[in-house]
Amino acid sequence: MYVLRPDIAEGDYANAISKFEKTVTENGGEVLNTDEWDVRNLAYETKHHTKGFYLVMEFKSTPDQLKRLQERFKLDEHVLRYQVVKKS
């Protein structure tokens, strides 16, 4: 799950989604599903924002691909928060 800033342009949402999906699939990973939850209230203010565009991406990857994805989340200025959870 990751949360994008609510004030970015409409086209930038699509670019961000495809960029993160491409990061997973570049070296053999697989994106199973991406759910867009639209703009919702955050539980608390994060980086001066009270709302965010929520997305849930279900994927399969190796540990190295996961590290690259997390690094991309950290460096992207549009990402407010992210959390990766391993599904059993």
N, C-alpha and C. Protein backbone atom coordinates (compact mmCIF):
# COMPACT_ATOMS: atom_id res chain seq x y z
N MET A 1 0.85 -1.16 0.00
CA MET A 1 0.00 0.00 0.00
C MET A 1 0.89 1.23 0.00
N TYR A 2 0.51 2.20 -0.78
CA TYR A 2 1.21 3.47 -0.75
C TYR A 2 0.23 4.61 -0.93
N VAL A 3 0.60 5.78 -0.42
CA VAL A 3 -0.26 6.95 -0.44
C VAL A 3 0.48 8.06 -1.18
N LEU A 4 -0.17 8.59 -2.23
CA LEU A 4 0.40 9.69 -2.99
C LEU A 4 -0.20 11.01 -2.53
N ARG A 5 0.53 12.08 -2.76
CA ARG A 5 0.04 13.41 -2.44
C ARG A 5 -1.25 13.69 -3.21
N PRO A 6 -2.22 14.36 -2.58
CA PRO A 6 -3.49 14.61 -3.26
C PRO A 6 -3.44 15.77 -4.25
N ASP A 7 -2.37 16.56 -4.21
CA ASP A 7 -2.32 17.78 -5.03
C ASP A 7 -1.52 17.62 -6.33
N ILE A 8 -1.14 16.41 -6.70
CA ILE A 8 -0.41 16.25 -7.96
C ILE A 8 -1.40 16.15 -9.11
N ALA A 9 -0.94 16.46 -10.31
CA ALA A 9 -1.81 16.49 -11.49
C ALA A 9 -2.35 15.10 -11.79
N GLU A 10 -3.51 15.06 -12.45
CA GLU A 10 -4.19 13.80 -12.77
C GLU A 10 -3.30 12.84 -13.56
N GLY A 11 -2.55 13.36 -14.51
CA GLY A 11 -1.67 12.52 -15.31
C GLY A 11 -0.50 11.97 -14.52
N ASP A 12 -0.09 12.69 -13.47
CA ASP A 12 1.02 12.22 -12.64
C ASP A 12 0.65 10.99 -11.82
N TYR A 13 -0.66 10.83 -11.49
CA TYR A 13 -1.09 9.63 -10.80
C TYR A 13 -0.80 8.40 -11.66
N ALA A 14 -1.21 8.48 -12.92
CA ALA A 14 -1.01 7.36 -13.84
C ALA A 14 0.48 7.08 -14.04
N ASN A 15 1.29 8.13 -14.14
CA ASN A 15 2.74 7.96 -14.29
C ASN A 15 3.35 7.29 -13.06
N ALA A 16 2.92 7.71 -11.88
CA ALA A 16 3.46 7.13 -10.64
C ALA A 16 3.08 5.66 -10.53
N ILE A 17 1.84 5.34 -10.84
CA ILE A 17 1.38 3.95 -10.76
C ILE A 17 2.19 3.08 -11.72
N SER A 18 2.34 3.53 -12.96
CA SER A 18 3.09 2.73 -13.93
C SER A 18 4.57 2.63 -13.57
N LYS A 19 5.12 3.69 -12.97
CA LYS A 19 6.53 3.67 -12.56
C LYS A 19 6.77 2.61 -11.49
N PHE A 20 5.88 2.53 -10.50
CA PHE A 20 6.04 1.55 -9.43
C PHE A 20 5.78 0.13 -9.93
N GLU A 21 4.80 -0.03 -10.82
CA GLU A 21 4.55 -1.35 -11.40
C GLU A 21 5.74 -1.79 -12.24
N LYS A 22 6.34 -0.86 -12.98
CA LYS A 22 7.50 -1.19 -13.81
C LYS A 22 8.68 -1.61 -12.93
N THR A 23 8.84 -0.97 -11.78
CA THR A 23 9.92 -1.34 -10.87
C THR A 23 9.80 -2.80 -10.44
N VAL A 24 8.57 -3.26 -10.23
CA VAL A 24 8.35 -4.64 -9.84
C VAL A 24 8.64 -5.59 -11.02
N THR A 25 8.17 -5.23 -12.21
CA THR A 25 8.25 -6.15 -13.35
C THR A 25 9.58 -6.11 -14.10
N GLU A 26 10.45 -5.14 -13.82
CA GLU A 26 11.71 -4.99 -14.55
C GLU A 26 12.56 -6.26 -14.55
N ASN A 27 12.66 -6.93 -13.43
CA ASN A 27 13.54 -8.08 -13.31
C ASN A 27 12.79 -9.37 -13.01
N GLY A 28 11.62 -9.53 -13.59
CA GLY A 28 10.91 -10.79 -13.47
C GLY A 28 9.82 -10.84 -12.42
N GLY A 29 9.54 -9.75 -11.73
CA GLY A 29 8.45 -9.73 -10.76
C GLY A 29 7.12 -9.69 -11.50
N GLU A 30 6.04 -9.81 -10.75
CA GLU A 30 4.72 -9.85 -11.36
C GLU A 30 3.74 -9.02 -10.52
N VAL A 31 3.05 -8.08 -11.17
CA VAL A 31 2.00 -7.31 -10.50
C VAL A 31 0.70 -8.06 -10.70
N LEU A 32 0.08 -8.46 -9.61
CA LEU A 32 -1.16 -9.24 -9.67
C LEU A 32 -2.39 -8.34 -9.75
N ASN A 33 -2.37 -7.23 -9.03
CA ASN A 33 -3.53 -6.36 -8.97
C ASN A 33 -3.12 -5.00 -8.41
N THR A 34 -3.75 -3.95 -8.91
CA THR A 34 -3.56 -2.61 -8.35
C THR A 34 -4.94 -1.99 -8.13
N ASP A 35 -5.28 -1.72 -6.87
CA ASP A 35 -6.56 -1.09 -6.51
C ASP A 35 -6.32 0.38 -6.21
N GLU A 36 -7.09 1.24 -6.86
CA GLU A 36 -7.03 2.67 -6.60
C GLU A 36 -8.21 3.03 -5.70
N TRP A 37 -7.90 3.53 -4.50
CA TRP A 37 -8.94 3.85 -3.54
C TRP A 37 -9.33 5.32 -3.54
N ASP A 38 -8.80 6.10 -4.46
CA ASP A 38 -9.07 7.54 -4.56
C ASP A 38 -8.54 8.30 -3.34
N VAL A 39 -8.95 9.55 -3.22
CA VAL A 39 -8.46 10.42 -2.14
C VAL A 39 -9.26 10.15 -0.88
N ARG A 40 -8.54 9.94 0.22
CA ARG A 40 -9.15 9.69 1.53
C ARG A 40 -8.43 10.49 2.59
N ASN A 41 -9.08 10.66 3.72
CA ASN A 41 -8.47 11.36 4.84
C ASN A 41 -7.37 10.48 5.44
N LEU A 42 -6.27 11.11 5.81
CA LEU A 42 -5.20 10.42 6.51
C LEU A 42 -5.55 10.37 7.99
N ALA A 43 -5.02 9.41 8.70
CA ALA A 43 -5.27 9.30 10.14
C ALA A 43 -4.66 10.48 10.88
N TYR A 44 -3.56 10.99 10.36
CA TYR A 44 -2.89 12.16 10.95
C TYR A 44 -2.16 12.89 9.84
N GLU A 45 -1.85 14.14 10.08
CA GLU A 45 -1.17 14.96 9.08
C GLU A 45 0.22 14.39 8.78
N THR A 46 0.51 14.25 7.49
CA THR A 46 1.79 13.72 7.04
C THR A 46 2.34 14.65 5.98
N LYS A 47 3.53 15.18 6.23
CA LYS A 47 4.19 16.10 5.30
C LYS A 47 3.25 17.24 4.90
N HIS A 48 2.53 17.77 5.87
CA HIS A 48 1.62 18.91 5.72
C HIS A 48 0.39 18.59 4.89
N HIS A 49 0.01 17.32 4.79
CA HIS A 49 -1.19 16.91 4.06
C HIS A 49 -2.12 16.16 5.00
N THR A 50 -3.43 16.40 4.87
CA THR A 50 -4.43 15.69 5.66
C THR A 50 -5.19 14.67 4.82
N LYS A 51 -4.97 14.68 3.50
CA LYS A 51 -5.60 13.72 2.60
C LYS A 51 -4.53 13.11 1.72
N GLY A 52 -4.83 11.96 1.15
CA GLY A 52 -3.89 11.29 0.27
C GLY A 52 -4.61 10.36 -0.69
N PHE A 53 -3.97 10.07 -1.81
CA PHE A 53 -4.50 9.16 -2.83
C PHE A 53 -3.97 7.76 -2.52
N TYR A 54 -4.84 6.87 -2.03
CA TYR A 54 -4.44 5.54 -1.59
C TYR A 54 -4.44 4.56 -2.75
N LEU A 55 -3.40 3.72 -2.79
CA LEU A 55 -3.29 2.65 -3.77
C LEU A 55 -2.79 1.38 -3.09
N VAL A 56 -3.35 0.25 -3.50
CA VAL A 56 -2.91 -1.05 -2.99
C VAL A 56 -2.45 -1.86 -4.20
N MET A 57 -1.18 -2.26 -4.17
CA MET A 57 -0.61 -3.05 -5.26
C MET A 57 -0.23 -4.43 -4.72
N GLU A 58 -0.82 -5.45 -5.30
CA GLU A 58 -0.49 -6.83 -4.92
C GLU A 58 0.48 -7.36 -5.97
N PHE A 59 1.63 -7.89 -5.51
CA PHE A 59 2.66 -8.31 -6.46
C PHE A 59 3.49 -9.45 -5.90
N LYS A 60 4.21 -10.12 -6.81
CA LYS A 60 5.19 -11.14 -6.44
C LYS A 60 6.55 -10.62 -6.87
N SER A 61 7.55 -10.80 -6.00
CA SER A 61 8.89 -10.32 -6.34
C SER A 61 9.94 -11.04 -5.50
N THR A 62 11.17 -10.82 -5.87
CA THR A 62 12.30 -11.34 -5.09
C THR A 62 12.65 -10.30 -4.02
N PRO A 63 13.44 -10.68 -3.02
CA PRO A 63 13.86 -9.70 -2.02
C PRO A 63 14.63 -8.52 -2.62
N ASP A 64 15.44 -8.76 -3.65
CA ASP A 64 16.17 -7.65 -4.29
C ASP A 64 15.23 -6.67 -4.97
N GLN A 65 14.20 -7.19 -5.64
CA GLN A 65 13.23 -6.31 -6.29
C GLN A 65 12.46 -5.51 -5.25
N LEU A 66 12.17 -6.14 -4.12
CA LEU A 66 11.46 -5.45 -3.05
C LEU A 66 12.28 -4.29 -2.51
N LYS A 67 13.59 -4.50 -2.35
CA LYS A 67 14.46 -3.43 -1.88
C LYS A 67 14.46 -2.26 -2.86
N ARG A 68 14.49 -2.56 -4.17
CA ARG A 68 14.46 -1.49 -5.18
C ARG A 68 13.16 -0.72 -5.11
N LEU A 69 12.05 -1.44 -4.94
CA LEU A 69 10.75 -0.78 -4.85
C LEU A 69 10.68 0.12 -3.63
N GLN A 70 11.13 -0.36 -2.49
CA GLN A 70 11.11 0.46 -1.28
C GLN A 70 12.01 1.69 -1.42
N GLU A 71 13.14 1.53 -2.07
CA GLU A 71 14.03 2.67 -2.31
C GLU A 71 13.35 3.70 -3.21
N ARG A 72 12.64 3.22 -4.21
CA ARG A 72 11.92 4.14 -5.11
C ARG A 72 10.82 4.88 -4.35
N PHE A 73 10.10 4.17 -3.45
CA PHE A 73 9.09 4.82 -2.63
C PHE A 73 9.72 5.92 -1.77
N LYS A 74 10.87 5.62 -1.16
CA LYS A 74 11.53 6.60 -0.28
C LYS A 74 11.96 7.86 -1.03
N LEU A 75 12.44 7.69 -2.26
CA LEU A 75 12.99 8.81 -3.00
C LEU A 75 11.95 9.61 -3.78
N ASP A 76 10.77 9.06 -4.01
CA ASP A 76 9.76 9.75 -4.81
C ASP A 76 9.09 10.85 -3.98
N GLU A 77 9.07 12.05 -4.53
CA GLU A 77 8.50 13.20 -3.81
C GLU A 77 6.98 13.15 -3.72
N HIS A 78 6.33 12.35 -4.55
CA HIS A 78 4.87 12.26 -4.54
C HIS A 78 4.34 11.27 -3.51
N VAL A 79 5.20 10.41 -2.98
CA VAL A 79 4.76 9.39 -2.02
C VAL A 79 4.79 9.97 -0.60
N LEU A 80 3.63 9.95 0.06
CA LEU A 80 3.56 10.42 1.45
C LEU A 80 3.95 9.31 2.40
N ARG A 81 3.40 8.12 2.21
CA ARG A 81 3.66 6.97 3.07
C ARG A 81 3.58 5.71 2.22
N TYR A 82 4.20 4.65 2.72
CA TYR A 82 4.08 3.35 2.07
C TYR A 82 4.28 2.27 3.12
N GLN A 83 3.73 1.11 2.85
CA GLN A 83 3.92 -0.04 3.72
C GLN A 83 3.84 -1.30 2.87
N VAL A 84 4.82 -2.18 3.04
CA VAL A 84 4.86 -3.44 2.32
C VAL A 84 4.58 -4.55 3.34
N VAL A 85 3.62 -5.40 3.00
CA VAL A 85 3.22 -6.48 3.89
C VAL A 85 3.34 -7.79 3.11
N LYS A 86 3.96 -8.79 3.73
CA LYS A 86 4.10 -10.11 3.11
C LYS A 86 2.81 -10.89 3.35
N LYS A 87 2.27 -11.41 2.25
CA LYS A 87 1.05 -12.19 2.32
C LYS A 87 1.43 -13.66 2.45
N SER A 88 0.83 -14.35 3.41
CA SER A 88 1.16 -15.78 3.65
C SER A 88 0.41 -16.68 2.71
